[in-house]
Amino acid sequence: ALAAAAAAAVHVNARRIETTLEILGAGDWFGEVALLNNIPRLCSFVAKAPTVLLSVTRARFSMFRRLVPDLKKAVASKVQHRTANILRSIDFFQANLLEN
């Protein structure tokens, strides 16, 4: 989905603990990992204010990626950034990051 207005917090539910990973604003998107990998969403998104969302189907998302070459790079960069944030929120990785 694409957030057209307002902001939303990104949460991951690890051991029933919610952690804010990112605050989204107008023009940001979420759900790309699920679309790219045909899996359920990894995180929950909670609107903090009235928000307008644009839902994009897997087929439409694939079409956009073919038609807009820069979109593929932008999505890959966002996935890498969000994956790093998710890993930082997991106790095991936090402990290993502190040691290094």
C-alpha atoms as a PDB file:
ATOM      1  CA  ALA A   1       0.000   0.000   0.000  1.00  0.00           C
ATOM      2  CA  LEU A   2       1.048   3.573  -0.589  1.00  0.00           C
ATOM      3  CA  ALA A   3       0.398   6.184   2.107  1.00  0.00           C
ATOM      4  CA  ALA A   4      -1.081   9.223   0.387  1.00  0.00           C
ATOM      5  CA  ALA A   5      -1.427  11.360   3.506  1.00  0.00           C
ATOM      6  CA  ALA A   6      -0.575  11.424   7.219  1.00  0.00           C
ATOM      7  CA  ALA A   7       1.796   9.045   8.981  1.00  0.00           C
ATOM      8  CA  ALA A   8       1.795   5.449  10.124  1.00  0.00           C
ATOM      9  CA  ALA A   9       4.067   3.549  12.466  1.00  0.00           C
ATOM     10  CA  VAL A  10       5.581   0.257  11.386  1.00  0.00           C
ATOM     11  CA  HIS A  11       5.485  -2.431  14.065  1.00  0.00           C
ATOM     12  CA  VAL A  12       6.794  -5.965  14.166  1.00  0.00           C
ATOM     13  CA  ASN A  13       5.321  -8.359  16.674  1.00  0.00           C
ATOM     14  CA  ALA A  14       8.156 -10.473  18.086  1.00  0.00           C
ATOM     15  CA  ARG A  15       7.115 -12.456  21.149  1.00  0.00           C
ATOM     16  CA  ARG A  16       4.033 -10.234  21.394  1.00  0.00           C
ATOM     17  CA  ILE A  17       6.216  -7.173  21.840  1.00  0.00           C
ATOM     18  CA  GLU A  18       5.478  -4.310  19.496  1.00  0.00           C
ATOM     19  CA  THR A  19       8.411  -2.213  18.367  1.00  0.00           C
ATOM     20  CA  THR A  20       8.246   0.887  16.224  1.00  0.00           C
ATOM     21  CA  LEU A  21      10.645   0.323  13.350  1.00  0.00           C
ATOM     22  CA  GLU A  22       9.805   3.273  11.159  1.00  0.00           C
ATOM     23  CA  ILE A  23       7.396   6.178  10.855  1.00  0.00           C
ATOM     24  CA  LEU A  24       5.889   6.514   7.401  1.00  0.00           C
ATOM     25  CA  GLY A  25       4.650   9.698   5.798  1.00  0.00           C
ATOM     26  CA  ALA A  26       2.910  10.780   2.620  1.00  0.00           C
ATOM     27  CA  GLY A  27       4.386   8.977  -0.382  1.00  0.00           C
ATOM     28  CA  ASP A  28       5.904   6.110   1.632  1.00  0.00           C
ATOM     29  CA  TRP A  29       4.875   2.531   1.016  1.00  0.00           C
ATOM     30  CA  PHE A  30       4.712  -0.768   2.844  1.00  0.00           C
ATOM     31  CA  GLY A  31       3.954  -4.404   2.042  1.00  0.00           C
ATOM     32  CA  GLU A  32       6.564  -4.674  -0.703  1.00  0.00           C
ATOM     33  CA  VAL A  33       8.286  -7.714   0.843  1.00  0.00           C
ATOM     34  CA  ALA A  34       5.009  -9.638   0.774  1.00  0.00           C
ATOM     35  CA  LEU A  35       4.421  -8.634  -2.852  1.00  0.00           C
ATOM     36  CA  LEU A  36       7.956  -9.518  -3.959  1.00  0.00           C
ATOM     37  CA  ASN A  37       8.077 -12.875  -2.193  1.00  0.00           C
ATOM     38  CA  ASN A  38       4.426 -13.983  -2.244  1.00  0.00           C
ATOM     39  CA  ILE A  39       4.341 -14.280   1.549  1.00  0.00           C
ATOM     40  CA  PRO A  40       2.192 -12.772   4.311  1.00  0.00           C
ATOM     41  CA  ARG A  41       3.183  -9.305   5.528  1.00  0.00           C
ATOM     42  CA  LEU A  42       6.015  -9.329   8.061  1.00  0.00           C
ATOM     43  CA  CYS A  43       4.904  -6.230   9.974  1.00  0.00           C
ATOM     44  CA  SER A  44       1.763  -4.443  11.070  1.00  0.00           C
ATOM     45  CA  PHE A  45       1.081  -0.823  10.219  1.00  0.00           C
ATOM     46  CA  VAL A  46      -0.820   1.432  12.577  1.00  0.00           C
ATOM     47  CA  ALA A  47      -2.130   4.799  11.385  1.00  0.00           C
ATOM     48  CA  LYS A  48      -1.395   7.535  13.926  1.00  0.00           C
ATOM     49  CA  ALA A  49      -3.685  10.028  12.187  1.00  0.00           C
ATOM     50  CA  PRO A  50      -6.348   9.941   9.487  1.00  0.00           C
ATOM     51  CA  THR A  51      -4.593   8.340   6.526  1.00  0.00           C
ATOM     52  CA  VAL A  52      -5.408   7.754   2.881  1.00  0.00           C
ATOM     53  CA  LEU A  53      -3.970   4.527   1.427  1.00  0.00           C
ATOM     54  CA  LEU A  54      -3.687   3.278  -2.114  1.00  0.00           C
ATOM     55  CA  SER A  55      -3.790  -0.512  -2.372  1.00  0.00           C
ATOM     56  CA  VAL A  56      -1.698  -2.074  -5.144  1.00  0.00           C
ATOM     57  CA  THR A  57      -2.275  -5.632  -6.349  1.00  0.00           C
ATOM     58  CA  ARG A  58       0.640  -7.977  -7.018  1.00  0.00           C
ATOM     59  CA  ALA A  59      -0.049  -7.829 -10.774  1.00  0.00           C
ATOM     60  CA  ARG A  60      -0.109  -4.007 -10.801  1.00  0.00           C
ATOM     61  CA  PHE A  61       3.037  -3.866  -8.661  1.00  0.00           C
ATOM     62  CA  SER A  62       4.843  -6.176 -11.123  1.00  0.00           C
ATOM     63  CA  MET A  63       3.704  -4.004 -14.012  1.00  0.00           C
ATOM     64  CA  PHE A  64       4.966  -0.834 -12.285  1.00  0.00           C
ATOM     65  CA  ARG A  65       8.336  -2.486 -11.678  1.00  0.00           C
ATOM     66  CA  ARG A  66       8.669  -3.353 -15.376  1.00  0.00           C
ATOM     67  CA  LEU A  67       7.591   0.082 -16.588  1.00  0.00           C
ATOM     68  CA  VAL A  68       9.588   2.171 -14.105  1.00  0.00           C
ATOM     69  CA  PRO A  69      13.191   0.871 -13.863  1.00  0.00           C
ATOM     70  CA  ASP A  70      14.059   3.198 -10.960  1.00  0.00           C
ATOM     71  CA  LEU A  71      11.226   1.710  -8.908  1.00  0.00           C
ATOM     72  CA  LYS A  72      13.066  -1.615  -8.745  1.00  0.00           C
ATOM     73  CA  LYS A  73      16.119   0.110  -7.196  1.00  0.00           C
ATOM     74  CA  ALA A  74      13.994   2.132  -4.772  1.00  0.00           C
ATOM     75  CA  VAL A  75      12.108  -0.958  -3.599  1.00  0.00           C
ATOM     76  CA  ALA A  76      15.335  -2.967  -3.177  1.00  0.00           C
ATOM     77  CA  SER A  77      16.855  -0.152  -1.125  1.00  0.00           C
ATOM     78  CA  LYS A  78      13.742   0.110   1.089  1.00  0.00           C
ATOM     79  CA  VAL A  79      13.669  -3.668   1.615  1.00  0.00           C
ATOM     80  CA  GLN A  80      17.336  -3.630   2.664  1.00  0.00           C
ATOM     81  CA  HIS A  81      16.738  -0.744   5.082  1.00  0.00           C
ATOM     82  CA  ARG A  82      13.659  -2.350   6.645  1.00  0.00           C
ATOM     83  CA  THR A  83      15.345  -5.756   6.935  1.00  0.00           C
ATOM     84  CA  ALA A  84      18.200  -4.140   8.859  1.00  0.00           C
ATOM     85  CA  ASN A  85      15.708  -2.420  11.180  1.00  0.00           C
ATOM     86  CA  ILE A  86      13.869  -5.696  11.824  1.00  0.00           C
ATOM     87  CA  LEU A  87      17.133  -7.481  12.614  1.00  0.00           C
ATOM     88  CA  ARG A  88      18.153  -4.686  15.016  1.00  0.00           C
ATOM     89  CA  SER A  89      14.877  -5.188  16.900  1.00  0.00           C
ATOM     90  CA  ILE A  90      15.620  -8.873  17.641  1.00  0.00           C
ATOM     91  CA  ASP A  91      17.427  -9.556  20.928  1.00  0.00           C
ATOM     92  CA  PHE A  92      19.899 -12.027  19.399  1.00  0.00           C
ATOM     93  CA  PHE A  93      21.116  -9.513  16.836  1.00  0.00           C
ATOM     94  CA  GLN A  94      21.208  -6.666  19.369  1.00  0.00           C
ATOM     95  CA  ALA A  95      23.553  -8.688  21.584  1.00  0.00           C
ATOM     96  CA  ASN A  96      25.841  -9.541  18.649  1.00  0.00           C
ATOM     97  CA  LEU A  97      25.908  -5.945  17.446  1.00  0.00           C
ATOM     98  CA  LEU A  98      27.015  -4.789  20.889  1.00  0.00           C
ATOM     99  CA  GLU A  99      29.883  -7.302  20.909  1.00  0.00           C
ATOM    100  CA  ASN A 100      31.249  -6.138  17.522  1.00  0.00           C
END
